[in-house]
Amino acid sequence: MSTDIVIKKDERVTALLDERHILDQDIKQVIAAAEDTGVKLYQPDSERYLAKLKTDNATFYVEYSPAPDGYQVHTAYFHKSEIIKE
């Protein structure tokens, strides 16, 4: 999975991701996985995609759209979870 992709963010999105402690590398991994596998939801009204990626301790969600020379990030969030076997 290539993470050499270019992401674009406006000031509002940059501030939101900083506040949520989401790194550019996290965003790139989610988009790269979605583009490599094709597993993503398409939102035709907004022409955006919603993708997710589960890591060892969190699941990341990114809403994005293709842009010239990369991808425009519109928002992202994550949640941490741990499944414990009883």
Protein backbone atom coordinates (compact mmCIF):
# COMPACT_ATOMS: atom_id res chain seq x y z
CA MET A 1 0.00 0.00 0.00
CA SER A 2 1.53 3.27 -1.11
CA THR A 3 1.39 6.28 1.19
CA ASP A 4 3.24 8.54 -1.24
CA ILE A 5 -0.06 10.19 -2.10
CA VAL A 6 -0.62 13.92 -1.80
CA ILE A 7 -3.38 15.20 0.44
CA LYS A 8 -4.82 18.71 0.38
CA LYS A 9 -6.59 20.35 3.33
CA ASP A 10 -7.99 23.80 3.90
CA GLU A 11 -7.35 25.71 7.13
CA ARG A 12 -10.60 24.54 8.74
CA VAL A 13 -9.82 20.87 8.10
CA THR A 14 -6.23 21.29 9.22
CA ALA A 15 -7.39 22.81 12.52
CA LEU A 16 -10.01 20.07 12.99
CA LEU A 17 -7.50 17.28 12.40
CA ASP A 18 -5.00 18.91 14.75
CA GLU A 19 -7.69 19.15 17.41
CA ARG A 20 -8.56 15.47 16.89
CA HIS A 21 -4.86 14.45 16.92
CA ILE A 22 -5.09 12.84 13.48
CA LEU A 23 -1.81 12.81 11.59
CA ASP A 24 -1.35 13.25 7.85
CA GLN A 25 0.20 9.78 7.79
CA ASP A 26 -3.03 8.31 9.22
CA ILE A 27 -5.06 10.07 6.51
CA LYS A 28 -2.73 8.86 3.78
CA GLN A 29 -2.93 5.26 5.00
CA VAL A 30 -6.74 5.31 4.95
CA ILE A 31 -6.94 6.81 1.45
CA ALA A 32 -4.22 4.51 0.10
CA ALA A 33 -6.01 1.43 1.44
CA ALA A 34 -9.33 2.57 -0.02
CA GLU A 35 -7.85 3.32 -3.42
CA ASP A 36 -5.81 0.08 -3.50
CA THR A 37 -8.71 -2.17 -2.47
CA GLY A 38 -11.68 -0.22 -3.83
CA VAL A 39 -13.40 -0.56 -0.44
CA LYS A 40 -14.99 2.84 0.06
CA LEU A 41 -18.44 4.39 0.05
CA TYR A 42 -19.33 6.86 -2.69
CA GLN A 43 -21.58 9.79 -1.81
CA PRO A 44 -23.02 10.87 -5.18
CA ASP A 45 -24.67 14.07 -3.87
CA SER A 46 -21.31 15.49 -2.80
CA GLU A 47 -19.04 13.45 -5.11
CA ARG A 48 -17.03 12.37 -2.06
CA TYR A 49 -15.80 9.07 -0.71
CA LEU A 50 -15.86 7.76 2.84
CA ALA A 51 -13.18 5.25 3.72
CA LYS A 52 -12.12 3.51 6.90
CA LEU A 53 -9.09 1.64 8.12
CA LYS A 54 -8.72 -0.38 11.29
CA THR A 55 -5.28 -0.32 12.89
CA ASP A 56 -4.12 -2.16 16.01
CA ASN A 57 -5.88 0.18 18.42
CA ALA A 58 -8.11 2.53 16.41
CA THR A 59 -10.42 2.79 13.43
CA PHE A 60 -9.95 5.85 11.22
CA TYR A 61 -12.57 7.33 8.90
CA VAL A 62 -11.76 9.85 6.15
CA GLU A 63 -14.11 11.73 3.86
CA TYR A 64 -12.24 12.80 0.71
CA SER A 65 -12.53 13.47 -2.99
CA PRO A 66 -10.08 13.21 -5.88
CA ALA A 67 -8.31 16.49 -6.65
CA PRO A 68 -5.71 17.50 -9.21
CA ASP A 69 -2.41 15.91 -8.13
CA GLY A 70 -3.87 14.23 -5.04
CA TYR A 71 -6.88 14.04 -2.76
CA GLN A 72 -8.88 16.75 -0.99
CA VAL A 73 -9.61 15.82 2.63
CA HIS A 74 -12.97 17.12 3.87
CA THR A 75 -13.04 15.60 7.36
CA ALA A 76 -11.74 12.69 9.39
CA TYR A 77 -12.30 11.10 12.76
CA PHE A 78 -11.33 7.99 14.66
CA HIS A 79 -12.32 5.92 17.62
CA LYS A 80 -10.27 3.64 19.77
CA SER A 81 -11.60 0.25 20.66
CA GLU A 82 -10.42 -2.97 22.09
CA ILE A 83 -12.26 -6.26 22.01
CA ILE A 84 -11.60 -8.31 25.10
CA LYS A 85 -12.29 -12.01 25.14
CA GLU A 86 -13.84 -13.22 28.37
